[in-house]
């Protein structure tokens, strides 16, 4: 299946029990909740989904559950990035065998490859699969920034079809868009910048907050596509307090705490991340009430 990524694609949270086992029943509930909310795709095993801390067998279990429950209603983009090229290829092949529509590959982390090494890393992964690949730039968490020149070069590889950019650097994102052309999808990775990405010609967003309030995030995209720019901006501003509330706890606990407040018990976050304090939880409640979703 050849796709151009577009729209709102939540990096779906991974429900876990107190022993950090995957809760497949709640994964399925989340899939249906998000699709009902109007999202245009699903992204298991992103940073919001705690893919960095899950075992290979857990990743297999999660991808299988998401693909089966989604049942082709929307595309599934699995996160298959890893520190080493070998492991990223292994995860990409796993995702392909299960039946995802595309993969998203974050840069290596902990180590700092140079641009030649990064190019070879992505080229090797692309050569190992026929799946569309979305680059994932998140320098705040990985310590590596994909330069505009490197992204332009990588975009010339046939099955590298887009990039999720979580850098927060709007000037860089605009250059990604300008220099790669319309066939390459540049997606916002910072939820407060979705409107800005769309205005520059971006194709959508991989938006963590869509786990909690999919309808609001989808409204930004849908109203923009209709030319209702004032309504799209209004929805963007409505969303902003939730993104700011991420500072109430360590990433990615806010998504899980917010869903619990809405009645979807997605369980625990991988240690060492702890639940919110009561004070922080009350502040999150106030944010959700202010957004009129609680």
Protein backbone atom coordinates (compact mmCIF):
# COMPACT_ATOMS: atom_id res chain seq x y z
CA UNK A 1 0.00 0.00 0.00
CA UNK A 2 1.56 3.30 -1.09
CA UNK A 3 0.42 6.21 1.04
CA UNK A 4 1.23 9.83 1.57
CA UNK A 5 0.94 10.51 5.29
CA UNK A 6 -1.58 13.22 6.07
CA UNK A 7 -4.03 14.40 8.69
CA UNK A 8 -3.94 13.82 12.43
CA UNK A 9 -2.06 10.70 13.49
CA UNK A 10 -1.96 10.08 17.25
CA UNK A 11 1.13 8.33 18.65
CA UNK A 12 -1.10 5.98 20.59
CA UNK A 13 -0.31 5.39 24.26
CA UNK A 14 0.61 1.89 25.42
CA UNK A 15 -1.70 0.67 28.21
CA UNK A 16 0.30 -1.17 30.88
CA UNK A 17 -0.62 -2.91 34.13
CA UNK A 18 1.23 -2.44 37.44
CA UNK A 19 3.80 -5.05 36.36
CA UNK A 20 4.39 -3.27 33.04
CA UNK A 21 2.60 -5.92 31.00
CA UNK A 22 0.75 -4.79 27.87
CA UNK A 23 -3.03 -4.54 28.23
CA UNK A 24 -4.32 -5.56 24.80
CA UNK A 25 -7.97 -5.04 25.71
CA UNK A 26 -7.37 -1.37 26.49
CA UNK A 27 -5.22 -0.95 23.36
CA UNK A 28 -8.24 -2.05 21.34
CA UNK A 29 -10.43 0.37 23.27
CA UNK A 30 -7.99 3.19 22.52
CA UNK A 31 -7.92 2.33 18.81
CA UNK A 32 -11.70 2.51 18.60
CA UNK A 33 -11.85 5.71 20.68
CA UNK A 34 -9.38 7.46 18.41
CA UNK A 35 -10.95 6.30 15.15
CA UNK A 36 -14.35 7.39 16.43
CA UNK A 37 -12.72 10.75 17.19
CA UNK A 38 -11.95 11.16 13.49
CA UNK A 39 -8.19 10.59 13.35
CA UNK A 40 -6.56 9.86 10.01
CA UNK A 41 -4.05 7.24 11.15
CA UNK A 42 -2.52 5.55 14.20
CA UNK A 43 1.11 5.45 15.30
CA UNK A 44 1.99 2.74 17.84
CA UNK A 45 5.43 2.64 19.48
CA UNK A 46 6.27 6.31 19.28
CA UNK A 47 7.87 8.11 22.20
CA UNK A 48 4.38 8.77 23.61
CA UNK A 49 3.77 5.02 23.34
CA UNK A 50 6.95 4.36 25.34
CA UNK A 51 8.49 2.38 22.49
CA UNK A 52 11.92 3.22 23.87
CA UNK A 53 11.38 0.96 26.90
CA UNK A 54 9.41 -2.00 25.57
CA UNK A 55 10.78 -5.45 24.72
CA UNK A 56 10.73 -6.90 21.21
CA UNK A 57 7.92 -9.29 22.18
CA UNK A 58 5.88 -6.45 23.68
CA UNK A 59 6.33 -4.41 20.51
CA UNK A 60 5.11 -7.36 18.46
CA UNK A 61 2.07 -7.73 20.71
CA UNK A 62 1.23 -4.02 20.44
CA UNK A 63 1.58 -3.78 16.66
CA UNK A 64 -0.50 -6.94 16.17
CA UNK A 65 -3.27 -5.62 18.39
CA UNK A 66 -3.38 -2.20 16.74
CA UNK A 67 -3.36 -3.65 13.21
CA UNK A 68 -6.03 -6.23 14.03
CA UNK A 69 -8.33 -3.77 15.79
CA UNK A 70 -7.88 -1.04 13.19
CA UNK A 71 -8.83 -3.52 10.46
CA UNK A 72 -7.75 -1.13 7.69
CA UNK A 73 -10.09 1.67 8.79
CA UNK A 74 -7.10 4.04 8.91
CA UNK A 75 -3.41 3.55 8.08
CA UNK A 76 -1.11 2.23 10.82
CA UNK A 77 2.38 3.73 11.10
CA UNK A 78 4.59 1.75 13.49
CA UNK A 79 7.60 3.22 15.24
CA UNK A 80 10.63 1.07 14.40
CA UNK A 81 13.55 3.30 15.30
CA UNK A 82 16.46 1.97 17.36
CA UNK A 83 19.98 2.87 18.38
CA UNK A 84 21.52 0.48 15.85
CA UNK A 85 20.75 0.01 12.17
CA UNK A 86 20.49 -3.75 12.64
CA UNK A 87 17.79 -3.46 15.31
CA UNK A 88 15.85 -0.84 13.34
CA UNK A 89 15.81 -3.18 10.33
CA UNK A 90 14.68 -6.07 12.56
CA UNK A 91 11.79 -4.01 13.93
CA UNK A 92 10.86 -2.73 10.47
CA UNK A 93 10.68 -6.28 9.12
CA UNK A 94 8.54 -7.30 12.09
CA UNK A 95 6.12 -4.45 11.43
CA UNK A 96 5.99 -5.31 7.74
CA UNK A 97 5.24 -8.97 8.46
CA UNK A 98 2.38 -7.97 10.77
CA UNK A 99 0.84 -5.73 8.11
CA UNK A 100 1.39 -2.07 8.95
CA UNK A 101 1.02 0.52 6.21
CA UNK A 102 4.23 2.43 6.95
CA UNK A 103 6.94 2.84 9.57
CA UNK A 104 8.37 5.85 11.35
CA UNK A 105 12.06 5.73 12.23
CA UNK A 106 13.45 8.07 14.86
CA UNK A 107 17.12 8.95 14.69
CA UNK A 108 19.48 6.87 16.82
CA UNK A 109 19.81 8.12 20.38
CA UNK A 110 22.58 8.03 23.02
CA UNK A 111 25.16 7.85 20.19
CA UNK A 112 25.66 10.76 17.77
CA UNK A 113 26.27 9.61 14.19
CA UNK A 114 27.49 12.19 11.68
CA UNK A 115 25.44 13.05 8.57
CA UNK A 116 27.09 10.44 6.36
CA UNK A 117 26.39 7.78 8.98
CA UNK A 118 22.80 8.97 9.39
CA UNK A 119 22.25 8.85 5.63
CA UNK A 120 23.65 5.32 5.45
CA UNK A 121 21.51 4.30 8.44
CA UNK A 122 18.28 5.40 6.77
CA UNK A 123 19.31 4.15 3.34
CA UNK A 124 19.97 0.69 4.79
CA UNK A 125 16.57 0.61 6.49
CA UNK A 126 14.83 1.80 3.31
CA UNK A 127 16.61 -0.88 1.29
CA UNK A 128 15.42 -3.57 3.69
CA UNK A 129 11.70 -2.95 3.10
CA UNK A 130 9.11 -1.92 0.54
CA UNK A 131 7.16 -0.03 3.22
CA UNK A 132 6.93 3.76 3.13
CA UNK A 133 9.22 5.30 5.75
CA UNK A 134 8.68 8.49 7.74
CA UNK A 135 11.75 10.07 9.26
CA UNK A 136 11.37 11.24 12.85
CA UNK A 137 13.33 14.27 14.05
CA UNK A 138 13.24 14.80 17.82
CA UNK A 139 16.49 16.49 18.84
CA UNK A 140 15.22 17.38 22.30
CA UNK A 141 15.06 13.68 23.21
CA UNK A 142 17.70 12.14 20.94
CA UNK A 143 20.36 14.85 20.80
CA UNK A 144 20.41 14.61 16.99
CA UNK A 145 18.86 17.10 14.57
CA UNK A 146 18.22 16.11 10.96
CA UNK A 147 19.48 19.05 8.92
CA UNK A 148 17.56 20.41 5.96
CA UNK A 149 20.27 19.28 3.54
CA UNK A 150 20.21 15.74 4.91
CA UNK A 151 16.41 15.53 4.79
CA UNK A 152 16.41 16.75 1.19
CA UNK A 153 18.93 14.05 0.29
CA UNK A 154 16.97 11.36 2.13
CA UNK A 155 13.72 12.46 0.48
CA UNK A 156 15.17 11.34 -2.85
CA UNK A 157 15.08 7.70 -1.69
CA UNK A 158 11.91 6.26 -3.21
CA UNK A 159 10.24 4.88 -0.09
CA UNK A 160 11.21 7.67 2.31
CA UNK A 161 7.99 9.64 2.05
CA UNK A 162 7.94 12.13 4.92
CA UNK A 163 9.20 13.40 8.24
CA UNK A 164 7.72 14.02 11.66
CA UNK A 165 9.47 17.09 13.07
CA UNK A 166 9.37 17.60 16.84
CA UNK A 167 12.21 20.11 16.96
CA UNK A 168 9.91 23.09 17.47
CA UNK A 169 12.02 24.99 14.92
CA UNK A 170 9.43 26.46 12.57
CA UNK A 171 12.08 28.01 10.31
CA UNK A 172 13.69 24.61 9.78
CA UNK A 173 10.31 22.96 9.18
CA UNK A 174 9.46 25.58 6.57
CA UNK A 175 12.71 24.75 4.77
CA UNK A 176 11.93 21.03 4.89
CA UNK A 177 8.64 21.83 3.16
CA UNK A 178 10.06 24.30 0.63
CA UNK A 179 12.98 22.15 -0.46
CA UNK A 180 11.42 18.68 -0.55
CA UNK A 181 8.31 19.46 -2.59
CA UNK A 182 4.69 18.41 -2.43
CA UNK A 183 5.28 14.65 -2.67
CA UNK A 184 7.13 14.61 0.66
CA UNK A 185 4.95 14.89 3.78
CA UNK A 186 6.20 17.14 6.57
CA UNK A 187 4.22 16.50 9.76
CA UNK A 188 4.17 18.58 12.92
CA UNK A 189 5.44 16.85 16.03
CA UNK A 190 4.73 19.78 18.34
CA UNK A 191 1.00 20.06 18.92
CA UNK A 192 1.10 23.83 19.45
CA UNK A 193 2.46 24.26 15.91
CA UNK A 194 -0.08 22.27 13.87
CA UNK A 195 -1.73 25.36 12.38
CA UNK A 196 1.67 26.84 11.53
CA UNK A 197 2.79 23.68 9.75
CA UNK A 198 -0.41 23.60 7.72
CA UNK A 199 0.01 27.25 6.76
CA UNK A 200 3.49 26.53 5.41
CA UNK A 201 2.27 23.50 3.46
CA UNK A 202 2.69 20.70 5.98
CA UNK A 203 0.46 17.65 5.61
CA UNK A 204 -0.72 17.18 9.19
CA UNK A 205 0.58 16.17 12.60
CA UNK A 206 1.62 13.28 14.77
CA UNK A 207 -0.07 14.76 17.81
CA UNK A 208 0.25 13.36 21.33
CA UNK A 209 -2.69 15.38 22.63
CA UNK A 210 -4.96 13.62 20.14
CA UNK A 211 -4.84 10.64 22.50
CA UNK A 212 -6.98 12.64 24.91
CA UNK A 213 -8.95 15.07 22.73
CA UNK A 214 -8.94 13.68 19.18
CA UNK A 215 -11.93 15.76 18.09
CA UNK A 216 -10.23 19.07 18.90
CA UNK A 217 -6.98 18.15 17.17
CA UNK A 218 -8.81 16.78 14.13
CA UNK A 219 -10.82 20.01 13.96
CA UNK A 220 -7.63 22.03 13.43
CA UNK A 221 -6.80 19.95 10.36
CA UNK A 222 -10.32 19.55 8.96
CA UNK A 223 -11.26 23.22 9.26
CA UNK A 224 -7.97 24.24 7.68
CA UNK A 225 -8.57 21.91 4.73
CA UNK A 226 -12.01 23.49 4.24
CA UNK A 227 -10.50 26.97 4.19
CA UNK A 228 -12.06 27.87 7.53
CA UNK A 229 -8.82 29.31 8.85
CA UNK A 230 -10.34 31.25 11.75
CA UNK A 231 -12.05 28.10 13.04
CA UNK A 232 -8.84 26.10 12.64
CA UNK A 233 -6.90 28.68 14.62
CA UNK A 234 -9.61 28.76 17.27
CA UNK A 235 -9.26 24.98 17.70
CA UNK A 236 -5.47 25.34 17.86
CA UNK A 237 -5.80 27.85 20.68
CA UNK A 238 -8.36 25.63 22.43
CA UNK A 239 -5.78 22.83 22.42
CA UNK A 240 -2.86 24.92 23.67
CA UNK A 241 -3.49 24.65 27.45
CA UNK A 242 -3.31 20.85 27.28
CA UNK A 243 0.05 20.93 25.53
CA UNK A 244 1.33 23.45 28.08
CA UNK A 245 0.11 21.10 30.84
CA UNK A 246 2.75 18.55 29.78
CA UNK A 247 4.99 20.43 32.22
CA UNK A 248 2.90 19.13 35.14
CA UNK A 249 4.74 15.79 35.04
CA UNK A 250 7.48 13.83 33.32
CA UNK A 251 6.82 12.83 29.71
CA UNK A 252 4.65 10.93 28.78
CA UNK A 253 2.59 10.61 31.97
CA UNK A 254 0.19 13.47 31.14
CA UNK A 255 -1.42 11.48 28.31
CA UNK A 256 -2.15 8.54 30.60
CA UNK A 257 -3.38 10.69 33.46
CA UNK A 258 -5.63 12.67 31.11
CA UNK A 259 -7.17 9.53 29.67
CA UNK A 260 -7.82 8.18 33.16
CA UNK A 261 -9.66 11.38 34.02
CA UNK A 262 -11.83 10.81 30.94
CA UNK A 263 -12.64 7.27 32.07
CA UNK A 264 -10.18 5.27 29.96
CA UNK A 265 -7.82 3.50 32.36
CA UNK A 266 -4.61 3.06 30.38
CA UNK A 267 -2.74 2.07 33.50
CA UNK A 268 0.82 2.84 34.41
CA UNK A 269 3.85 4.51 32.83
CA UNK A 270 7.17 2.68 32.57
CA UNK A 271 9.40 3.37 35.58
CA UNK A 272 11.19 5.52 36.49
CA UNK A 273 8.31 7.83 35.43
CA UNK A 274 5.84 8.16 38.30
CA UNK A 275 2.13 9.10 38.40
CA UNK A 276 1.22 12.74 38.86
CA UNK A 277 1.03 14.19 42.34
CA UNK A 278 -2.47 14.98 43.59
CA UNK A 279 -1.74 18.68 43.17
CA UNK A 280 -0.67 18.22 39.55
CA UNK A 281 -3.65 15.97 38.85
CA UNK A 282 -6.01 18.66 40.11
CA UNK A 283 -4.35 21.19 37.81
CA UNK A 284 -4.79 18.82 34.87
CA UNK A 285 -8.47 18.46 35.78
CA UNK A 286 -8.79 22.24 35.69
CA UNK A 287 -7.21 22.33 32.23
CA UNK A 288 -9.60 19.68 30.89
CA UNK A 289 -12.58 21.45 32.44
CA UNK A 290 -11.45 24.69 30.84
CA UNK A 291 -11.37 22.89 27.48
CA UNK A 292 -14.90 21.63 28.18
CA UNK A 293 -13.94 17.98 27.81
CA UNK A 294 -14.38 17.02 31.47
